Amino acid sequence: MFDGFSPKTVDFLWGIRMNNNREWFLTHKQEYQRYLYEPMKELGAYLFEPFREVPGMQLKVSRIYRDARLQHPAPYKESLWICIRREVDSWGEHPALCFEIVPELVRYGFVLWRPRPEAMEAFRKEITARPEKFLKLLADTEKATGMPMTFDCYKRPKSCENPAIAPFFAWKNNICCIKEEPVGEEIFTPALAERARRLLTVLLPWNEYWQGVIG
């Protein structure tokens, strides 16, 4: 059962940011397990509960160890994340519902990080063929969450003859609807899990829309 993070969770995250080396980590490994990894697993199980019946959806809880194949100068991550998505080879190219904690804050919501160019071309074809469906979903999502979608744009947007959807032809990647909460008492209670699960549930139609577009 997720009871909230603790100040010791945040202390560990700041510690690994300032001391990203094997010696420090091994000294503080029990703190990592007790105050960060185990609570994240409990939170992940709670967040995933509404999505168990969604075909193909899976829960992924990250570990702090970086992939040695990436040859990153720092051996450990400075954050931990939860990802609810389909099983895919490259998660960054596909839509996901997520939760992440870093030393300064927690963030959770929807993300489509780095879709392939052909995926965005499929998106443009979809909204050209069915603009009303997309515009309604976008409006419903923003009304339900109280947050706008954010995104990175092409330097030169693709041409579009329909002015109603022309702005969306500029979308390139990092398409998100993310809520951020600064570190404080609000993340040290079980209510954090309730807030996060409620938002992820609201964002499921948005996730499913993109899954349908990308395939």
N, C-alpha and C. Protein backbone atom coordinates (compact mmCIF):
# COMPACT_ATOMS: atom_id res chain seq x y z
N MET A 1 0.85 -1.20 0.00
CA MET A 1 0.00 0.00 0.00
C MET A 1 0.88 1.24 0.00
N PHE A 2 0.56 2.17 -0.89
CA PHE A 2 1.35 3.40 -0.99
C PHE A 2 0.90 4.40 0.08
N ASP A 3 1.83 4.79 0.94
CA ASP A 3 1.52 5.73 2.02
C ASP A 3 2.09 7.12 1.77
N GLY A 4 2.62 7.34 0.56
CA GLY A 4 3.27 8.61 0.27
C GLY A 4 4.77 8.46 0.34
N PHE A 5 5.45 9.37 -0.33
CA PHE A 5 6.90 9.42 -0.19
C PHE A 5 7.23 10.07 1.15
N SER A 6 8.51 10.17 1.44
CA SER A 6 8.92 10.79 2.70
C SER A 6 10.06 11.77 2.43
N PRO A 7 10.36 12.65 3.38
CA PRO A 7 11.52 13.52 3.20
C PRO A 7 12.81 12.74 2.92
N LYS A 8 12.89 11.51 3.41
CA LYS A 8 14.08 10.71 3.15
C LYS A 8 14.16 10.28 1.69
N THR A 9 13.00 10.15 1.03
CA THR A 9 13.00 9.90 -0.42
C THR A 9 13.71 11.04 -1.13
N VAL A 10 13.32 12.24 -0.78
CA VAL A 10 13.89 13.43 -1.42
C VAL A 10 15.37 13.58 -1.05
N ASP A 11 15.71 13.29 0.19
CA ASP A 11 17.12 13.36 0.60
C ASP A 11 17.97 12.42 -0.25
N PHE A 12 17.44 11.20 -0.50
CA PHE A 12 18.21 10.27 -1.32
C PHE A 12 18.39 10.79 -2.73
N LEU A 13 17.32 11.33 -3.31
CA LEU A 13 17.41 11.83 -4.69
C LEU A 13 18.42 12.98 -4.81
N TRP A 14 18.40 13.88 -3.84
CA TRP A 14 19.41 14.94 -3.87
C TRP A 14 20.81 14.34 -3.67
N GLY A 15 20.89 13.33 -2.82
CA GLY A 15 22.19 12.72 -2.58
C GLY A 15 22.77 12.09 -3.82
N ILE A 16 21.94 11.36 -4.58
CA ILE A 16 22.47 10.71 -5.78
C ILE A 16 22.79 11.74 -6.85
N ARG A 17 22.08 12.85 -6.86
CA ARG A 17 22.42 13.90 -7.82
C ARG A 17 23.79 14.51 -7.50
N MET A 18 24.07 14.70 -6.23
CA MET A 18 25.32 15.34 -5.84
C MET A 18 26.47 14.35 -5.72
N ASN A 19 26.17 13.05 -5.64
CA ASN A 19 27.21 12.04 -5.43
C ASN A 19 26.94 10.83 -6.32
N ASN A 20 26.92 11.07 -7.62
CA ASN A 20 26.55 10.00 -8.54
C ASN A 20 27.75 9.09 -8.81
N ASN A 21 28.02 8.23 -7.84
CA ASN A 21 29.14 7.29 -7.97
C ASN A 21 28.81 6.02 -7.19
N ARG A 22 29.52 4.97 -7.50
CA ARG A 22 29.20 3.66 -6.96
C ARG A 22 29.41 3.61 -5.44
N GLU A 23 30.45 4.26 -4.96
CA GLU A 23 30.76 4.21 -3.54
C GLU A 23 29.63 4.81 -2.70
N TRP A 24 29.15 5.98 -3.12
CA TRP A 24 28.07 6.62 -2.38
C TRP A 24 26.80 5.78 -2.46
N PHE A 25 26.50 5.28 -3.64
CA PHE A 25 25.27 4.51 -3.79
C PHE A 25 25.28 3.26 -2.93
N LEU A 26 26.37 2.53 -2.92
CA LEU A 26 26.41 1.30 -2.14
C LEU A 26 26.23 1.59 -0.65
N THR A 27 26.74 2.72 -0.19
CA THR A 27 26.57 3.11 1.20
C THR A 27 25.11 3.41 1.52
N HIS A 28 24.38 3.90 0.50
CA HIS A 28 22.99 4.33 0.71
C HIS A 28 21.97 3.44 -0.01
N LYS A 29 22.39 2.23 -0.38
CA LYS A 29 21.50 1.37 -1.16
C LYS A 29 20.24 1.01 -0.40
N GLN A 30 20.35 0.77 0.89
CA GLN A 30 19.16 0.43 1.67
C GLN A 30 18.15 1.58 1.69
N GLU A 31 18.64 2.80 1.70
CA GLU A 31 17.75 3.97 1.64
C GLU A 31 17.03 4.01 0.29
N TYR A 32 17.77 3.70 -0.77
CA TYR A 32 17.15 3.64 -2.10
C TYR A 32 16.01 2.63 -2.11
N GLN A 33 16.28 1.44 -1.60
CA GLN A 33 15.26 0.39 -1.60
C GLN A 33 14.06 0.77 -0.74
N ARG A 34 14.30 1.27 0.43
CA ARG A 34 13.22 1.50 1.39
C ARG A 34 12.40 2.75 1.08
N TYR A 35 13.07 3.83 0.71
CA TYR A 35 12.38 5.11 0.61
C TYR A 35 12.05 5.53 -0.83
N LEU A 36 12.63 4.85 -1.82
CA LEU A 36 12.36 5.23 -3.20
C LEU A 36 11.79 4.07 -4.01
N TYR A 37 12.53 2.98 -4.17
CA TYR A 37 12.10 1.92 -5.06
C TYR A 37 10.85 1.20 -4.57
N GLU A 38 10.82 0.82 -3.32
CA GLU A 38 9.64 0.10 -2.82
C GLU A 38 8.38 0.97 -2.86
N PRO A 39 8.44 2.23 -2.41
CA PRO A 39 7.24 3.07 -2.56
C PRO A 39 6.81 3.26 -4.01
N MET A 40 7.77 3.34 -4.94
CA MET A 40 7.41 3.49 -6.35
C MET A 40 6.69 2.24 -6.86
N LYS A 41 7.12 1.07 -6.44
CA LYS A 41 6.43 -0.15 -6.83
C LYS A 41 5.00 -0.17 -6.28
N GLU A 42 4.84 0.25 -5.04
CA GLU A 42 3.50 0.29 -4.44
C GLU A 42 2.63 1.31 -5.16
N LEU A 43 3.19 2.45 -5.48
CA LEU A 43 2.44 3.46 -6.22
C LEU A 43 2.08 2.95 -7.61
N GLY A 44 3.03 2.29 -8.27
CA GLY A 44 2.76 1.75 -9.60
C GLY A 44 1.61 0.76 -9.59
N ALA A 45 1.58 -0.13 -8.61
CA ALA A 45 0.49 -1.11 -8.52
C ALA A 45 -0.85 -0.42 -8.35
N TYR A 46 -0.88 0.65 -7.56
CA TYR A 46 -2.13 1.38 -7.33
C TYR A 46 -2.55 2.13 -8.59
N LEU A 47 -1.61 2.78 -9.26
CA LEU A 47 -1.95 3.52 -10.47
C LEU A 47 -2.42 2.61 -11.59
N PHE A 48 -1.91 1.40 -11.63
CA PHE A 48 -2.22 0.49 -12.73
C PHE A 48 -3.58 -0.17 -12.59
N GLU A 49 -4.13 -0.17 -11.40
CA GLU A 49 -5.37 -0.92 -11.13
C GLU A 49 -6.49 -0.59 -12.12
N PRO A 50 -6.77 0.68 -12.46
CA PRO A 50 -7.87 0.95 -13.39
C PRO A 50 -7.61 0.50 -14.83
N PHE A 51 -6.36 0.15 -15.13
CA PHE A 51 -5.99 -0.16 -16.51
C PHE A 51 -5.76 -1.66 -16.75
N ARG A 52 -6.04 -2.46 -15.75
CA ARG A 52 -5.77 -3.89 -15.88
C ARG A 52 -6.59 -4.54 -16.99
N GLU A 53 -7.78 -4.01 -17.23
CA GLU A 53 -8.66 -4.61 -18.23
C GLU A 53 -8.47 -3.98 -19.62
N VAL A 54 -7.60 -3.00 -19.73
CA VAL A 54 -7.34 -2.39 -21.04
C VAL A 54 -6.41 -3.32 -21.81
N PRO A 55 -6.82 -3.83 -22.96
CA PRO A 55 -6.01 -4.81 -23.68
C PRO A 55 -4.60 -4.32 -23.98
N GLY A 56 -3.64 -5.13 -23.59
CA GLY A 56 -2.25 -4.84 -23.92
C GLY A 56 -1.52 -3.91 -22.99
N MET A 57 -2.22 -3.23 -22.09
CA MET A 57 -1.55 -2.27 -21.21
C MET A 57 -0.69 -3.00 -20.18
N GLN A 58 0.50 -2.46 -19.95
CA GLN A 58 1.42 -3.05 -18.99
C GLN A 58 2.00 -1.96 -18.10
N LEU A 59 2.43 -2.39 -16.92
CA LEU A 59 3.06 -1.49 -15.96
C LEU A 59 4.56 -1.70 -15.98
N LYS A 60 5.31 -0.60 -16.05
CA LYS A 60 6.76 -0.64 -15.96
C LYS A 60 7.21 0.32 -14.86
N VAL A 61 8.02 -0.16 -13.95
CA VAL A 61 8.62 0.68 -12.91
C VAL A 61 10.12 0.67 -13.14
N SER A 62 10.69 1.84 -13.32
CA SER A 62 12.11 1.91 -13.66
C SER A 62 12.98 1.56 -12.46
N ARG A 63 14.23 1.29 -12.73
CA ARG A 63 15.25 1.13 -11.70
C ARG A 63 16.22 2.28 -11.82
N ILE A 64 17.03 2.47 -10.82
CA ILE A 64 17.92 3.63 -10.81
C ILE A 64 19.20 3.41 -11.61
N TYR A 65 19.47 2.18 -11.98
CA TYR A 65 20.71 1.87 -12.68
C TYR A 65 20.60 2.25 -14.16
N ARG A 66 21.57 2.96 -14.66
CA ARG A 66 21.59 3.29 -16.08
C ARG A 66 22.06 2.09 -16.89
N ASP A 67 21.64 2.04 -18.13
CA ASP A 67 22.08 1.00 -19.05
C ASP A 67 23.56 1.24 -19.38
N ALA A 68 24.40 0.27 -19.01
CA ALA A 68 25.84 0.43 -19.23
C ALA A 68 26.18 0.58 -20.70
N ARG A 69 25.31 0.07 -21.58
CA ARG A 69 25.58 0.17 -23.01
C ARG A 69 25.53 1.60 -23.51
N LEU A 70 24.86 2.48 -22.77
CA LEU A 70 24.75 3.88 -23.18
C LEU A 70 26.02 4.67 -22.90
N GLN A 71 26.90 4.10 -22.09
CA GLN A 71 28.18 4.74 -21.76
C GLN A 71 27.98 6.14 -21.19
N HIS A 72 26.98 6.29 -20.33
CA HIS A 72 26.72 7.56 -19.68
C HIS A 72 27.76 7.79 -18.59
N PRO A 73 28.26 9.01 -18.42
CA PRO A 73 29.30 9.24 -17.40
C PRO A 73 28.81 9.02 -15.97
N ALA A 74 27.49 9.17 -15.73
CA ALA A 74 26.94 8.94 -14.40
C ALA A 74 26.28 7.56 -14.37
N PRO A 75 26.64 6.70 -13.43
CA PRO A 75 26.11 5.32 -13.44
C PRO A 75 24.66 5.19 -12.99
N TYR A 76 24.10 6.23 -12.34
CA TYR A 76 22.76 6.12 -11.79
C TYR A 76 21.87 7.26 -12.29
N LYS A 77 20.58 6.96 -12.38
CA LYS A 77 19.62 8.01 -12.73
C LYS A 77 19.37 8.90 -11.51
N GLU A 78 18.90 10.09 -11.78
CA GLU A 78 18.56 11.03 -10.70
C GLU A 78 17.06 11.11 -10.50
N SER A 79 16.34 10.14 -11.05
CA SER A 79 14.88 10.10 -10.93
C SER A 79 14.43 8.66 -11.03
N LEU A 80 13.16 8.43 -10.72
CA LEU A 80 12.53 7.14 -10.96
C LEU A 80 11.17 7.41 -11.58
N TRP A 81 10.74 6.52 -12.47
CA TRP A 81 9.47 6.74 -13.15
C TRP A 81 8.65 5.46 -13.23
N ILE A 82 7.37 5.68 -13.43
CA ILE A 82 6.38 4.63 -13.69
C ILE A 82 5.81 4.88 -15.07
N CYS A 83 5.62 3.82 -15.84
CA CYS A 83 5.10 3.96 -17.19
C CYS A 83 3.99 2.92 -17.39
N ILE A 84 2.82 3.36 -17.86
CA ILE A 84 1.71 2.47 -18.19
C ILE A 84 1.48 2.58 -19.68
N ARG A 85 1.72 1.50 -20.41
CA ARG A 85 1.73 1.56 -21.88
C ARG A 85 1.63 0.17 -22.47
N ARG A 86 1.56 0.12 -23.81
CA ARG A 86 1.65 -1.15 -24.51
C ARG A 86 3.10 -1.64 -24.49
N GLU A 87 3.28 -2.94 -24.69
CA GLU A 87 4.63 -3.50 -24.79
C GLU A 87 5.19 -3.17 -26.17
N VAL A 88 6.26 -2.39 -26.20
CA VAL A 88 6.87 -1.95 -27.46
C VAL A 88 8.38 -2.01 -27.31
N ASP A 89 9.07 -2.00 -28.45
CA ASP A 89 10.53 -2.04 -28.42
C ASP A 89 11.12 -0.72 -27.93
N SER A 90 10.54 0.39 -28.34
CA SER A 90 11.06 1.70 -27.98
C SER A 90 9.92 2.53 -27.41
N TRP A 91 9.86 2.65 -26.07
CA TRP A 91 8.71 3.28 -25.44
C TRP A 91 8.61 4.75 -25.82
N GLY A 92 9.72 5.43 -26.08
CA GLY A 92 9.69 6.85 -26.39
C GLY A 92 8.97 7.18 -27.68
N GLU A 93 8.79 6.19 -28.55
CA GLU A 93 8.10 6.41 -29.82
C GLU A 93 6.60 6.18 -29.73
N HIS A 94 6.13 5.79 -28.55
CA HIS A 94 4.72 5.42 -28.39
C HIS A 94 4.10 6.16 -27.21
N PRO A 95 2.78 6.31 -27.20
CA PRO A 95 2.13 7.04 -26.11
C PRO A 95 2.21 6.26 -24.80
N ALA A 96 2.22 7.01 -23.70
CA ALA A 96 2.30 6.38 -22.38
C ALA A 96 1.68 7.29 -21.33
N LEU A 97 1.14 6.67 -20.29
CA LEU A 97 0.75 7.36 -19.08
C LEU A 97 1.88 7.16 -18.08
N CYS A 98 2.25 8.20 -17.37
CA CYS A 98 3.50 8.11 -16.61
C CYS A 98 3.44 8.88 -15.30
N PHE A 99 4.40 8.55 -14.45
CA PHE A 99 4.64 9.25 -13.18
C PHE A 99 6.14 9.27 -12.97
N GLU A 100 6.68 10.41 -12.54
CA GLU A 100 8.13 10.52 -12.31
C GLU A 100 8.38 11.36 -11.07
N ILE A 101 9.41 10.99 -10.34
CA ILE A 101 9.86 11.80 -9.21
C ILE A 101 11.32 12.18 -9.43
N VAL A 102 11.62 13.44 -9.23
CA VAL A 102 12.98 13.99 -9.28
C VAL A 102 13.19 14.76 -7.98
N PRO A 103 14.39 15.24 -7.70
CA PRO A 103 14.60 15.91 -6.41
C PRO A 103 13.68 17.09 -6.15
N GLU A 104 13.32 17.83 -7.20
CA GLU A 104 12.55 19.06 -7.01
C GLU A 104 11.04 18.87 -7.01
N LEU A 105 10.55 17.79 -7.67
CA LEU A 105 9.11 17.70 -7.88
C LEU A 105 8.70 16.29 -8.32
N VAL A 106 7.38 16.10 -8.38
CA VAL A 106 6.81 14.93 -9.05
C VAL A 106 6.02 15.44 -10.25
N ARG A 107 5.94 14.61 -11.28
CA ARG A 107 5.14 14.95 -12.46
C ARG A 107 4.43 13.70 -12.94
N TYR A 108 3.23 13.89 -13.48
CA TYR A 108 2.47 12.74 -13.95
C TYR A 108 1.46 13.18 -15.00
N GLY A 109 1.14 12.24 -15.90
CA GLY A 109 0.19 12.55 -16.96
C GLY A 109 0.45 11.70 -18.19
N PHE A 110 0.26 12.32 -19.35
CA PHE A 110 0.43 11.66 -20.65
C PHE A 110 1.66 12.22 -21.34
N VAL A 111 2.38 11.33 -22.07
CA VAL A 111 3.51 11.79 -22.86
C VAL A 111 3.66 10.94 -24.11
N LEU A 112 3.94 11.62 -25.21
CA LEU A 112 4.40 10.98 -26.44
C LEU A 112 5.70 11.69 -26.76
N TRP A 113 6.81 11.06 -26.40
CA TRP A 113 8.08 11.76 -26.33
C TRP A 113 8.72 11.97 -27.70
N ARG A 114 9.07 10.90 -28.35
CA ARG A 114 9.78 11.02 -29.62
C ARG A 114 9.16 10.13 -30.70
N PRO A 115 7.97 10.47 -31.15
CA PRO A 115 7.36 9.67 -32.22
C PRO A 115 8.17 9.76 -33.50
N ARG A 116 8.16 8.71 -34.27
CA ARG A 116 8.87 8.73 -35.54
C ARG A 116 8.18 9.68 -36.52
N PRO A 117 8.91 10.21 -37.50
CA PRO A 117 8.29 11.10 -38.50
C PRO A 117 7.10 10.46 -39.19
N GLU A 118 7.17 9.16 -39.47
CA GLU A 118 6.05 8.51 -40.14
C GLU A 118 4.82 8.43 -39.23
N ALA A 119 5.05 8.40 -37.91
CA ALA A 119 3.92 8.42 -36.98
C ALA A 119 3.21 9.77 -37.02
N MET A 120 3.98 10.84 -37.08
CA MET A 120 3.38 12.16 -37.15
C MET A 120 2.71 12.40 -38.51
N GLU A 121 3.23 11.78 -39.54
CA GLU A 121 2.57 11.85 -40.85
C GLU A 121 1.23 11.13 -40.78
N ALA A 122 1.19 9.99 -40.09
CA ALA A 122 -0.08 9.28 -39.91
C ALA A 122 -1.06 10.14 -39.11
N PHE A 123 -0.56 10.86 -38.12
CA PHE A 123 -1.40 11.76 -37.33
C PHE A 123 -2.00 12.86 -38.21
N ARG A 124 -1.19 13.44 -39.07
CA ARG A 124 -1.70 14.51 -39.93
C ARG A 124 -2.76 13.98 -40.90
N LYS A 125 -2.56 12.78 -41.39
CA LYS A 125 -3.57 12.18 -42.27
C LYS A 125 -4.86 11.91 -41.50
N GLU A 126 -4.73 11.47 -40.27
CA GLU A 126 -5.91 11.17 -39.45
C GLU A 126 -6.72 12.43 -39.16
N ILE A 127 -6.07 13.50 -38.74
CA ILE A 127 -6.85 14.70 -38.40
C ILE A 127 -7.38 15.38 -39.66
N THR A 128 -6.73 15.16 -40.80
CA THR A 128 -7.28 15.68 -42.05
C THR A 128 -8.56 14.95 -42.41
N ALA A 129 -8.56 13.63 -42.22
CA ALA A 129 -9.73 12.83 -42.56
C ALA A 129 -10.86 12.99 -41.56
N ARG A 130 -10.51 13.14 -40.27
CA ARG A 130 -11.54 13.22 -39.22
C ARG A 130 -11.20 14.34 -38.24
N PRO A 131 -11.24 15.58 -38.68
CA PRO A 131 -10.85 16.69 -37.80
C PRO A 131 -11.76 16.84 -36.59
N GLU A 132 -13.07 16.61 -36.76
CA GLU A 132 -14.00 16.81 -35.65
C GLU A 132 -13.69 15.87 -34.49
N LYS A 133 -13.33 14.64 -34.80
CA LYS A 133 -13.00 13.67 -33.75
C LYS A 133 -11.83 14.15 -32.92
N PHE A 134 -10.77 14.60 -33.58
CA PHE A 134 -9.59 15.06 -32.86
C PHE A 134 -9.89 16.32 -32.06
N LEU A 135 -10.55 17.30 -32.67
CA LEU A 135 -10.80 18.57 -31.99
C LEU A 135 -11.69 18.37 -30.77
N LYS A 136 -12.67 17.48 -30.86
CA LYS A 136 -13.52 17.20 -29.70
C LYS A 136 -12.73 16.53 -28.59
N LEU A 137 -11.90 15.55 -28.95
CA LEU A 137 -11.09 14.87 -27.94
C LEU A 137 -10.15 15.86 -27.26
N LEU A 138 -9.53 16.72 -28.03
CA LEU A 138 -8.61 17.71 -27.47
C LEU A 138 -9.35 18.65 -26.51
N ALA A 139 -10.51 19.14 -26.94
CA ALA A 139 -11.29 20.04 -26.09
C ALA A 139 -11.75 19.33 -24.82
N ASP A 140 -12.22 18.10 -24.96
CA ASP A 140 -12.69 17.34 -23.80
C ASP A 140 -11.55 17.10 -22.81
N THR A 141 -10.37 16.78 -23.35
CA THR A 141 -9.22 16.51 -22.49
C THR A 141 -8.80 17.75 -21.72
N GLU A 142 -8.72 18.87 -22.41
CA GLU A 142 -8.29 20.11 -21.75
C GLU A 142 -9.33 20.57 -20.73
N LYS A 143 -10.61 20.36 -21.03
CA LYS A 143 -11.65 20.72 -20.07
C LYS A 143 -11.60 19.84 -18.83
N ALA A 144 -11.39 18.55 -19.03
CA ALA A 144 -11.39 17.61 -17.92
C ALA A 144 -10.16 17.76 -17.03
N THR A 145 -9.03 18.10 -17.62
CA THR A 145 -7.79 18.20 -16.84
C THR A 145 -7.50 19.62 -16.36
N GLY A 146 -8.07 20.61 -17.05
CA GLY A 146 -7.74 22.00 -16.74
C GLY A 146 -6.35 22.39 -17.18
N MET A 147 -5.75 21.57 -18.06
CA MET A 147 -4.40 21.83 -18.52
C MET A 147 -4.35 21.77 -20.04
N PRO A 148 -3.54 22.61 -20.66
CA PRO A 148 -3.37 22.53 -22.12
C PRO A 148 -2.39 21.42 -22.49
N MET A 149 -2.46 20.98 -23.73
CA MET A 149 -1.42 20.10 -24.25
C MET A 149 -0.19 20.94 -24.54
N THR A 150 0.98 20.39 -24.29
CA THR A 150 2.23 21.05 -24.65
C THR A 150 2.96 20.19 -25.67
N PHE A 151 3.86 20.79 -26.42
CA PHE A 151 4.49 20.07 -27.53
C PHE A 151 5.66 20.88 -28.07
N ASP A 152 6.54 20.21 -28.77
CA ASP A 152 7.60 20.85 -29.55
C ASP A 152 7.15 20.91 -31.00
N CYS A 153 7.58 21.95 -31.70
CA CYS A 153 7.10 22.18 -33.06
C CYS A 153 8.23 22.04 -34.09
N TYR A 154 7.83 21.72 -35.31
CA TYR A 154 8.75 21.81 -36.43
C TYR A 154 9.13 23.27 -36.65
N LYS A 155 10.34 23.50 -37.08
CA LYS A 155 10.73 24.87 -37.42
C LYS A 155 9.95 25.36 -38.63
N ARG A 156 9.63 24.44 -39.53
CA ARG A 156 8.82 24.78 -40.70
C ARG A 156 7.60 23.87 -40.70
N PRO A 157 6.47 24.35 -40.20
CA PRO A 157 5.27 23.51 -40.13
C PRO A 157 4.84 23.01 -41.50
N LYS A 158 4.26 21.82 -41.50
CA LYS A 158 3.74 21.26 -42.74
C LYS A 158 2.52 22.08 -43.20
N SER A 159 2.32 22.15 -44.49
CA SER A 159 1.20 22.92 -45.02
C SER A 159 -0.11 22.19 -44.78
N CYS A 160 -1.18 22.97 -44.57
CA CYS A 160 -2.50 22.42 -44.31
C CYS A 160 -3.55 23.38 -44.86
N GLU A 161 -4.51 22.85 -45.58
CA GLU A 161 -5.53 23.69 -46.19
C GLU A 161 -6.70 23.99 -45.24
N ASN A 162 -6.81 23.23 -44.16
CA ASN A 162 -7.91 23.42 -43.22
C ASN A 162 -7.42 24.27 -42.05
N PRO A 163 -7.87 25.52 -41.94
CA PRO A 163 -7.36 26.38 -40.86
C PRO A 163 -7.70 25.88 -39.47
N ALA A 164 -8.73 25.05 -39.33
CA ALA A 164 -9.11 24.54 -38.02
C ALA A 164 -8.07 23.60 -37.43
N ILE A 165 -7.37 22.90 -38.31
CA ILE A 165 -6.37 21.94 -37.82
C ILE A 165 -4.95 22.33 -38.21
N ALA A 166 -4.77 23.42 -38.93
CA ALA A 166 -3.44 23.83 -39.38
C ALA A 166 -2.43 23.96 -38.23
N PRO A 167 -2.82 24.50 -37.05
CA PRO A 167 -1.84 24.61 -35.96
C PRO A 167 -1.25 23.27 -35.53
N PHE A 168 -2.02 22.20 -35.68
CA PHE A 168 -1.56 20.89 -35.21
C PHE A 168 -0.61 20.22 -36.20
N PHE A 169 -0.52 20.75 -37.39
CA PHE A 169 0.46 20.26 -38.35
C PHE A 169 1.87 20.65 -37.94
N ALA A 170 1.99 21.57 -36.98
CA ALA A 170 3.30 21.97 -36.48
C ALA A 170 3.83 21.03 -35.41
N TRP A 171 2.96 20.18 -34.84
CA TRP A 171 3.41 19.29 -33.77
C TRP A 171 4.50 18.34 -34.27
N LYS A 172 5.54 18.21 -33.47
CA LYS A 172 6.67 17.35 -33.85
C LYS A 172 6.90 16.22 -32.84
N ASN A 173 7.11 16.58 -31.58
CA ASN A 173 7.37 15.58 -30.55
C ASN A 173 7.13 16.18 -29.16
N ASN A 174 7.45 15.39 -28.14
CA ASN A 174 7.28 15.81 -26.74
C ASN A 174 5.86 16.34 -26.51
N ILE A 175 4.89 15.59 -26.98
CA ILE A 175 3.48 15.94 -26.84
C ILE A 175 3.02 15.45 -25.47
N CYS A 176 2.60 16.38 -24.62
CA CYS A 176 2.37 16.04 -23.22
C CYS A 176 1.13 16.72 -22.66
N CYS A 177 0.58 16.09 -21.64
CA CYS A 177 -0.35 16.73 -20.73
C CYS A 177 0.11 16.30 -19.34
N ILE A 178 0.90 17.12 -18.70
CA ILE A 178 1.62 16.75 -17.49
C ILE A 178 1.32 17.72 -16.35
N LYS A 179 1.01 17.18 -15.20
CA LYS A 179 0.85 17.98 -13.99
C LYS A 179 2.12 17.86 -13.15
N GLU A 180 2.61 18.98 -12.64
CA GLU A 180 3.79 18.99 -11.78
C GLU A 180 3.42 19.48 -10.39
N GLU A 181 3.99 18.82 -9.38
CA GLU A 181 3.79 19.22 -7.99
C GLU A 181 5.16 19.35 -7.33
N PRO A 182 5.47 20.51 -6.77
CA PRO A 182 6.77 20.67 -6.11
C PRO A 182 6.86 19.81 -4.86
N VAL A 183 8.08 19.47 -4.51
CA VAL A 183 8.30 18.70 -3.29
C VAL A 183 7.77 19.48 -2.09
N GLY A 184 7.00 18.80 -1.28
CA GLY A 184 6.42 19.40 -0.08
C GLY A 184 5.51 18.40 0.59
N GLU A 185 4.77 18.84 1.58
CA GLU A 185 3.92 17.94 2.36
C GLU A 185 2.90 17.21 1.51
N GLU A 186 2.49 17.81 0.37
CA GLU A 186 1.46 17.21 -0.47
C GLU A 186 1.89 15.89 -1.11
N ILE A 187 3.20 15.67 -1.24
CA ILE A 187 3.64 14.40 -1.85
C ILE A 187 3.98 13.35 -0.78
N PHE A 188 3.84 13.73 0.48
CA PHE A 188 4.18 12.81 1.56
C PHE A 188 2.95 12.12 2.14
N THR A 189 1.85 12.08 1.37
CA THR A 189 0.61 11.46 1.85
C THR A 189 0.05 10.54 0.77
N PRO A 190 -0.82 9.59 1.14
CA PRO A 190 -1.43 8.71 0.14
C PRO A 190 -2.30 9.44 -0.87
N ALA A 191 -2.70 10.67 -0.56
CA ALA A 191 -3.56 11.43 -1.47
C ALA A 191 -2.86 11.69 -2.81
N LEU A 192 -1.53 11.68 -2.82
CA LEU A 192 -0.81 11.84 -4.08
C LEU A 192 -1.21 10.76 -5.07
N ALA A 193 -1.32 9.53 -4.59
CA ALA A 193 -1.71 8.42 -5.47
C ALA A 193 -3.11 8.62 -6.03
N GLU A 194 -4.01 9.15 -5.21
CA GLU A 194 -5.38 9.39 -5.68
C GLU A 194 -5.39 10.45 -6.78
N ARG A 195 -4.65 11.52 -6.59
CA ARG A 195 -4.61 12.58 -7.60
C ARG A 195 -4.02 12.08 -8.90
N ALA A 196 -2.94 11.33 -8.79
CA ALA A 196 -2.28 10.83 -10.00
C ALA A 196 -3.17 9.83 -10.72
N ARG A 197 -3.81 8.91 -10.00
CA ARG A 197 -4.65 7.91 -10.67
C ARG A 197 -5.85 8.56 -11.34
N ARG A 198 -6.40 9.57 -10.70
CA ARG A 198 -7.54 10.27 -11.29
C ARG A 198 -7.16 10.94 -12.62
N LEU A 199 -6.00 11.59 -12.65
CA LEU A 199 -5.57 12.26 -13.88
C LEU A 199 -5.24 11.24 -14.97
N LEU A 200 -4.53 10.18 -14.63
CA LEU A 200 -4.19 9.18 -15.64
C LEU A 200 -5.44 8.53 -16.23
N THR A 201 -6.45 8.32 -15.40
CA THR A 201 -7.70 7.74 -15.90
C THR A 201 -8.39 8.70 -16.88
N VAL A 202 -8.38 9.97 -16.56
CA VAL A 202 -8.97 10.97 -17.46
C VAL A 202 -8.22 11.01 -18.79
N LEU A 203 -6.92 10.77 -18.75
CA LEU A 203 -6.09 10.87 -19.96
C LEU A 203 -6.06 9.59 -20.79
N LEU A 204 -6.69 8.53 -20.31
CA LEU A 204 -6.68 7.28 -21.07
C LEU A 204 -7.22 7.44 -22.50
N PRO A 205 -8.34 8.15 -22.74
CA PRO A 205 -8.80 8.30 -24.13
C PRO A 205 -7.78 8.98 -25.03
N TRP A 206 -7.03 9.92 -24.48
CA TRP A 206 -5.99 10.59 -25.26
C TRP A 206 -4.88 9.59 -25.61
N ASN A 207 -4.50 8.77 -24.64
CA ASN A 207 -3.49 7.75 -24.88
C ASN A 207 -3.97 6.76 -25.94
N GLU A 208 -5.25 6.34 -25.86
CA GLU A 208 -5.77 5.37 -26.80
C GLU A 208 -5.91 5.96 -28.20
N TYR A 209 -6.20 7.24 -28.29
CA TYR A 209 -6.28 7.89 -29.59
C TYR A 209 -4.93 7.79 -30.31
N TRP A 210 -3.88 8.15 -29.60
CA TRP A 210 -2.55 8.11 -30.22
C TRP A 210 -2.11 6.69 -30.51
N GLN A 211 -2.48 5.76 -29.65
CA GLN A 211 -2.15 4.37 -29.93
C GLN A 211 -2.80 3.91 -31.21
N GLY A 212 -4.04 4.33 -31.43
CA GLY A 212 -4.73 3.97 -32.66
C GLY A 212 -4.12 4.60 -33.90
N VAL A 213 -3.63 5.82 -33.75
CA VAL A 213 -3.00 6.51 -34.88
C VAL A 213 -1.68 5.85 -35.25
N ILE A 214 -0.87 5.58 -34.23
CA ILE A 214 0.48 5.06 -34.47
C ILE A 214 0.44 3.57 -34.81
N GLY A 215 -0.48 2.83 -34.14
CA GLY A 215 -0.59 1.40 -34.43
C GLY A 215 0.36 0.58 -33.60
